[in-house]
Amino acid sequence: MDEVDALVSFYESWRANGVGDDGLPLYEQVVMIRMAKPPLLMVEEPATEDHEEQFADAWRMFQKSRKVRDLTVKGYPLAFWPIVSPADLQTLVVRDIVTVEQLAELADKKTTKLPPSMIELAKRAKSLIAMQGKVGKFEAVIYELTQQRDQLQAELKEANQTISLQNTMISQMRTMPQQAA
């Protein structure tokens, strides 16, 4: 293949994919490629497998950036942590740090080549994980108490129905002798 001397990047976008039952348009996710030769030339089109092979480095960087929002990754994704700015997020992504747990592990390391702002984020991540550990106990207690409450509500409803039926029977029994007399 011919070597391209353009700036190449992949990104996620969308395209129209018909009309829904409600009459509104439907969209599908699509990976796009942007090839640019500044200042005046830029081409954007849907990415193909040929593009992935031809621009392997740009594709790997795109895959890294996608991993940040991947919910299958074990741990809390950094992209969902509101403390991390977009610039800090990108700094961590290129270092293959995509979860708060991975970032927290860096807080204890003495020999890290991260910038000071990243070290501060790592300390905050470590304290977040420590707080979540404490809160996790309470979450389990709350869940158990909620289950007990739901069970008691069901038993109370059943008891109220039984009492109502018994009151009806008692009132019928009281009126029976009066009718016979």
C-alpha atoms as a PDB file:
ATOM      1  CA  MET A   1       0.000   0.000   0.000  1.00  0.00           C
ATOM      2  CA  ASP A   2       1.028   3.570  -0.553  1.00  0.00           C
ATOM      3  CA  GLU A   3       2.211   5.362   2.525  1.00  0.00           C
ATOM      4  CA  VAL A   4      -0.099   8.176   3.557  1.00  0.00           C
ATOM      5  CA  ASP A   5       1.493  11.248   5.091  1.00  0.00           C
ATOM      6  CA  ALA A   6      -1.749  12.570   6.537  1.00  0.00           C
ATOM      7  CA  LEU A   7      -2.756  12.856  10.170  1.00  0.00           C
ATOM      8  CA  VAL A   8      -4.992   9.851  10.745  1.00  0.00           C
ATOM      9  CA  SER A   9      -7.413   9.275  13.592  1.00  0.00           C
ATOM     10  CA  PHE A  10     -10.362   7.013  14.232  1.00  0.00           C
ATOM     11  CA  TYR A  11     -13.458   8.115  16.133  1.00  0.00           C
ATOM     12  CA  GLU A  12     -16.967   6.950  16.902  1.00  0.00           C
ATOM     13  CA  SER A  13     -19.938   8.549  15.231  1.00  0.00           C
ATOM     14  CA  TRP A  14     -23.421   7.586  14.062  1.00  0.00           C
ATOM     15  CA  ARG A  15     -25.404   7.344  10.873  1.00  0.00           C
ATOM     16  CA  ALA A  16     -29.082   7.167  10.065  1.00  0.00           C
ATOM     17  CA  ASN A  17     -30.459   3.648   9.982  1.00  0.00           C
ATOM     18  CA  GLY A  18     -34.095   3.959   8.970  1.00  0.00           C
ATOM     19  CA  VAL A  19     -37.190   5.102  10.788  1.00  0.00           C
ATOM     20  CA  GLY A  20     -38.648   3.608  13.969  1.00  0.00           C
ATOM     21  CA  ASP A  21     -42.233   2.605  14.701  1.00  0.00           C
ATOM     22  CA  ASP A  22     -42.783   5.991  16.336  1.00  0.00           C
ATOM     23  CA  GLY A  23     -41.858   7.829  13.113  1.00  0.00           C
ATOM     24  CA  LEU A  24     -38.561   9.139  14.466  1.00  0.00           C
ATOM     25  CA  PRO A  25     -35.202   8.310  12.880  1.00  0.00           C
ATOM     26  CA  LEU A  26     -33.045   5.440  14.145  1.00  0.00           C
ATOM     27  CA  TYR A  27     -29.256   5.641  14.289  1.00  0.00           C
ATOM     28  CA  GLU A  28     -26.460   3.110  14.475  1.00  0.00           C
ATOM     29  CA  GLN A  29     -22.957   3.473  15.826  1.00  0.00           C
ATOM     30  CA  VAL A  30     -20.182   3.558  13.257  1.00  0.00           C
ATOM     31  CA  VAL A  31     -16.409   3.904  13.480  1.00  0.00           C
ATOM     32  CA  MET A  32     -15.121   6.702  11.268  1.00  0.00           C
ATOM     33  CA  ILE A  33     -11.649   7.608  10.042  1.00  0.00           C
ATOM     34  CA  ARG A  34     -10.376  11.150   9.630  1.00  0.00           C
ATOM     35  CA  MET A  35      -7.415  11.728   7.322  1.00  0.00           C
ATOM     36  CA  ALA A  36      -6.190  15.305   7.367  1.00  0.00           C
ATOM     37  CA  LYS A  37      -3.446  17.356   5.748  1.00  0.00           C
ATOM     38  CA  PRO A  38      -3.750  20.715   7.434  1.00  0.00           C
ATOM     39  CA  PRO A  39      -4.692  23.420   6.802  1.00  0.00           C
ATOM     40  CA  LEU A  40      -7.192  22.749   4.037  1.00  0.00           C
ATOM     41  CA  LEU A  41      -7.586  19.043   3.328  1.00  0.00           C
ATOM     42  CA  MET A  42      -9.597  16.657   5.494  1.00  0.00           C
ATOM     43  CA  VAL A  43     -11.421  13.472   4.512  1.00  0.00           C
ATOM     44  CA  GLU A  44     -13.841  11.658   6.828  1.00  0.00           C
ATOM     45  CA  GLU A  45     -15.449   8.349   5.949  1.00  0.00           C
ATOM     46  CA  PRO A  46     -16.563   5.098   7.607  1.00  0.00           C
ATOM     47  CA  ALA A  47     -13.550   3.014   8.601  1.00  0.00           C
ATOM     48  CA  THR A  48     -12.934  -0.326   6.929  1.00  0.00           C
ATOM     49  CA  GLU A  49     -10.721  -3.275   7.814  1.00  0.00           C
ATOM     50  CA  ASP A  50      -8.239  -2.008   5.223  1.00  0.00           C
ATOM     51  CA  HIS A  51      -7.986   1.260   7.141  1.00  0.00           C
ATOM     52  CA  GLU A  52      -7.379  -0.674  10.377  1.00  0.00           C
ATOM     53  CA  GLU A  53      -4.499  -2.560   8.758  1.00  0.00           C
ATOM     54  CA  GLN A  54      -3.050   0.430   6.927  1.00  0.00           C
ATOM     55  CA  PHE A  55      -3.118   2.728   9.955  1.00  0.00           C
ATOM     56  CA  ALA A  56      -2.396   0.194  12.698  1.00  0.00           C
ATOM     57  CA  ASP A  57      -0.903   2.703  15.176  1.00  0.00           C
ATOM     58  CA  ALA A  58      -3.890   5.041  14.965  1.00  0.00           C
ATOM     59  CA  TRP A  59      -6.216   2.032  15.296  1.00  0.00           C
ATOM     60  CA  ARG A  60      -4.423   0.857  18.468  1.00  0.00           C
ATOM     61  CA  MET A  61      -4.760   4.336  19.990  1.00  0.00           C
ATOM     62  CA  PHE A  62      -8.465   4.334  19.136  1.00  0.00           C
ATOM     63  CA  GLN A  63      -8.886   0.911  20.766  1.00  0.00           C
ATOM     64  CA  LYS A  64      -7.155   2.202  23.919  1.00  0.00           C
ATOM     65  CA  SER A  65      -9.495   5.179  24.077  1.00  0.00           C
ATOM     66  CA  ARG A  66     -12.497   2.864  23.670  1.00  0.00           C
ATOM     67  CA  LYS A  67     -11.336   0.669  26.551  1.00  0.00           C
ATOM     68  CA  VAL A  68     -11.902   3.593  28.920  1.00  0.00           C
ATOM     69  CA  ARG A  69     -15.693   3.295  28.557  1.00  0.00           C
ATOM     70  CA  ASP A  70     -15.796  -0.488  28.379  1.00  0.00           C
ATOM     71  CA  LEU A  71     -18.127  -1.811  31.075  1.00  0.00           C
ATOM     72  CA  THR A  72     -16.697  -5.332  30.834  1.00  0.00           C
ATOM     73  CA  VAL A  73     -13.407  -4.148  32.328  1.00  0.00           C
ATOM     74  CA  LYS A  74     -13.102  -5.288  35.935  1.00  0.00           C
ATOM     75  CA  GLY A  75     -13.296  -2.225  38.131  1.00  0.00           C
ATOM     76  CA  TYR A  76     -14.783   1.260  38.023  1.00  0.00           C
ATOM     77  CA  PRO A  77     -14.037   2.916  34.631  1.00  0.00           C
ATOM     78  CA  LEU A  78     -12.150   6.203  34.887  1.00  0.00           C
ATOM     79  CA  ALA A  79     -14.412   7.703  32.232  1.00  0.00           C
ATOM     80  CA  PHE A  80     -17.304   7.545  34.719  1.00  0.00           C
ATOM     81  CA  TRP A  81     -15.352   9.118  37.588  1.00  0.00           C
ATOM     82  CA  PRO A  82     -16.302  12.814  37.527  1.00  0.00           C
ATOM     83  CA  ILE A  83     -13.054  13.973  39.136  1.00  0.00           C
ATOM     84  CA  VAL A  84     -10.935  13.061  36.116  1.00  0.00           C
ATOM     85  CA  SER A  85     -10.687  15.781  33.485  1.00  0.00           C
ATOM     86  CA  PRO A  86     -10.597  14.834  29.792  1.00  0.00           C
ATOM     87  CA  ALA A  87      -6.900  15.733  29.592  1.00  0.00           C
ATOM     88  CA  ASP A  88      -6.056  13.640  32.669  1.00  0.00           C
ATOM     89  CA  LEU A  89      -8.140  10.798  31.303  1.00  0.00           C
ATOM     90  CA  GLN A  90      -6.210  10.810  28.050  1.00  0.00           C
ATOM     91  CA  THR A  91      -2.911  10.950  29.975  1.00  0.00           C
ATOM     92  CA  LEU A  92      -3.926   7.817  31.862  1.00  0.00           C
ATOM     93  CA  VAL A  93      -5.345   6.011  28.829  1.00  0.00           C
ATOM     94  CA  VAL A  94      -2.072   6.165  26.909  1.00  0.00           C
ATOM     95  CA  ARG A  95      -0.477   4.519  29.950  1.00  0.00           C
ATOM     96  CA  ASP A  96      -3.094   1.709  29.882  1.00  0.00           C
ATOM     97  CA  ILE A  97      -4.726   2.858  33.124  1.00  0.00           C
ATOM     98  CA  VAL A  98      -8.474   2.598  32.590  1.00  0.00           C
ATOM     99  CA  THR A  99      -9.990   1.919  36.034  1.00  0.00           C
ATOM    100  CA  VAL A 100      -9.967   3.701  39.377  1.00  0.00           C
ATOM    101  CA  GLU A 101      -8.520   0.542  40.940  1.00  0.00           C
ATOM    102  CA  GLN A 102      -5.539   0.573  38.562  1.00  0.00           C
ATOM    103  CA  LEU A 103      -4.972   4.235  39.351  1.00  0.00           C
ATOM    104  CA  ALA A 104      -5.202   3.599  43.113  1.00  0.00           C
ATOM    105  CA  GLU A 105      -2.408   1.016  42.873  1.00  0.00           C
ATOM    106  CA  LEU A 106      -0.072   3.773  41.677  1.00  0.00           C
ATOM    107  CA  ALA A 107      -0.535   5.745  44.908  1.00  0.00           C
ATOM    108  CA  ASP A 108       1.679   3.308  46.829  1.00  0.00           C
ATOM    109  CA  LYS A 109       4.461   3.101  44.264  1.00  0.00           C
ATOM    110  CA  LYS A 110       7.482   5.244  45.054  1.00  0.00           C
ATOM    111  CA  THR A 111       9.077   5.059  41.613  1.00  0.00           C
ATOM    112  CA  THR A 112       6.435   6.320  39.262  1.00  0.00           C
ATOM    113  CA  LYS A 113       7.011   8.460  36.217  1.00  0.00           C
ATOM    114  CA  LEU A 114       3.563   9.992  36.360  1.00  0.00           C
ATOM    115  CA  PRO A 115       3.184  13.769  36.581  1.00  0.00           C
ATOM    116  CA  PRO A 116       2.395  15.178  40.036  1.00  0.00           C
ATOM    117  CA  SER A 117      -1.252  15.790  39.135  1.00  0.00           C
ATOM    118  CA  MET A 118      -1.632  12.089  38.299  1.00  0.00           C
ATOM    119  CA  ILE A 119      -0.058  11.089  41.606  1.00  0.00           C
ATOM    120  CA  GLU A 120      -2.598  13.299  43.372  1.00  0.00           C
ATOM    121  CA  LEU A 121      -5.393  11.605  41.414  1.00  0.00           C
ATOM    122  CA  ALA A 122      -3.960   8.222  42.405  1.00  0.00           C
ATOM    123  CA  LYS A 123      -4.147   9.217  46.084  1.00  0.00           C
ATOM    124  CA  ARG A 124      -7.751  10.324  45.640  1.00  0.00           C
ATOM    125  CA  ALA A 125      -8.552   7.038  43.903  1.00  0.00           C
ATOM    126  CA  LYS A 126      -7.036   5.125  46.807  1.00  0.00           C
ATOM    127  CA  SER A 127      -9.136   7.052  49.333  1.00  0.00           C
ATOM    128  CA  LEU A 128     -12.259   6.490  47.187  1.00  0.00           C
ATOM    129  CA  ILE A 129     -11.700   2.738  47.232  1.00  0.00           C
ATOM    130  CA  ALA A 130     -11.150   2.825  50.992  1.00  0.00           C
ATOM    131  CA  MET A 131     -14.435   4.707  51.465  1.00  0.00           C
ATOM    132  CA  GLN A 132     -16.304   2.317  49.178  1.00  0.00           C
ATOM    133  CA  GLY A 133     -15.085  -0.610  51.263  1.00  0.00           C
ATOM    134  CA  LYS A 134     -16.653   0.919  54.346  1.00  0.00           C
ATOM    135  CA  VAL A 135     -19.860   1.789  52.528  1.00  0.00           C
ATOM    136  CA  GLY A 136     -20.107  -1.739  51.108  1.00  0.00           C
ATOM    137  CA  LYS A 137     -20.793  -3.112  54.593  1.00  0.00           C
ATOM    138  CA  PHE A 138     -23.677  -0.721  55.059  1.00  0.00           C
ATOM    139  CA  GLU A 139     -25.057  -1.565  51.648  1.00  0.00           C
ATOM    140  CA  ALA A 140     -25.266  -5.235  52.644  1.00  0.00           C
ATOM    141  CA  VAL A 141     -27.007  -4.323  55.920  1.00  0.00           C
ATOM    142  CA  ILE A 142     -29.461  -2.066  54.093  1.00  0.00           C
ATOM    143  CA  TYR A 143     -30.229  -4.835  51.602  1.00  0.00           C
ATOM    144  CA  GLU A 144     -30.854  -7.346  54.393  1.00  0.00           C
ATOM    145  CA  LEU A 145     -33.086  -4.941  56.323  1.00  0.00           C
ATOM    146  CA  THR A 146     -35.024  -4.131  53.161  1.00  0.00           C
ATOM    147  CA  GLN A 147     -35.650  -7.836  52.598  1.00  0.00           C
ATOM    148  CA  GLN A 148     -36.847  -8.240  56.192  1.00  0.00           C
ATOM    149  CA  ARG A 149     -39.148  -5.229  55.849  1.00  0.00           C
ATOM    150  CA  ASP A 150     -40.669  -6.589  52.638  1.00  0.00           C
ATOM    151  CA  GLN A 151     -41.272  -9.955  54.314  1.00  0.00           C
ATOM    152  CA  LEU A 152     -42.881  -8.292  57.342  1.00  0.00           C
ATOM    153  CA  GLN A 153     -45.111  -6.193  55.072  1.00  0.00           C
ATOM    154  CA  ALA A 154     -46.305  -9.348  53.306  1.00  0.00           C
ATOM    155  CA  GLU A 155     -46.981 -11.055  56.671  1.00  0.00           C
ATOM    156  CA  LEU A 156     -48.820  -7.972  57.960  1.00  0.00           C
ATOM    157  CA  LYS A 157     -51.003  -7.862  54.861  1.00  0.00           C
ATOM    158  CA  GLU A 158     -51.848 -11.543  55.314  1.00  0.00           C
ATOM    159  CA  ALA A 159     -52.588 -11.012  59.033  1.00  0.00           C
ATOM    160  CA  ASN A 160     -54.858  -8.046  58.239  1.00  0.00           C
ATOM    161  CA  GLN A 161     -56.776 -10.169  55.732  1.00  0.00           C
ATOM    162  CA  THR A 162     -57.167 -12.952  58.295  1.00  0.00           C
ATOM    163  CA  ILE A 163     -58.375 -10.501  60.957  1.00  0.00           C
ATOM    164  CA  SER A 164     -60.826  -8.969  58.491  1.00  0.00           C
ATOM    165  CA  LEU A 165     -62.240 -12.402  57.651  1.00  0.00           C
ATOM    166  CA  GLN A 166     -62.527 -13.309  61.342  1.00  0.00           C
ATOM    167  CA  ASN A 167     -64.286 -10.012  62.125  1.00  0.00           C
ATOM    168  CA  THR A 168     -66.739 -10.721  59.320  1.00  0.00           C
ATOM    169  CA  MET A 169     -67.386 -14.205  60.714  1.00  0.00           C
ATOM    170  CA  ILE A 170     -67.864 -12.838  64.252  1.00  0.00           C
ATOM    171  CA  SER A 171     -70.318 -10.200  63.079  1.00  0.00           C
ATOM    172  CA  GLN A 172     -72.262 -12.860  61.143  1.00  0.00           C
ATOM    173  CA  MET A 173     -72.343 -15.101  64.225  1.00  0.00           C
ATOM    174  CA  ARG A 174     -73.626 -12.236  66.415  1.00  0.00           C
ATOM    175  CA  THR A 175     -76.433 -11.478  64.014  1.00  0.00           C
ATOM    176  CA  MET A 176     -77.509 -15.138  63.642  1.00  0.00           C
ATOM    177  CA  PRO A 177     -79.042 -15.560  67.188  1.00  0.00           C
ATOM    178  CA  GLN A 178     -80.908 -12.282  66.875  1.00  0.00           C
ATOM    179  CA  GLN A 179     -82.516 -13.389  63.640  1.00  0.00           C
ATOM    180  CA  ALA A 180     -83.587 -16.747  65.137  1.00  0.00           C
ATOM    181  CA  ALA A 181     -85.160 -15.113  68.204  1.00  0.00           C
END
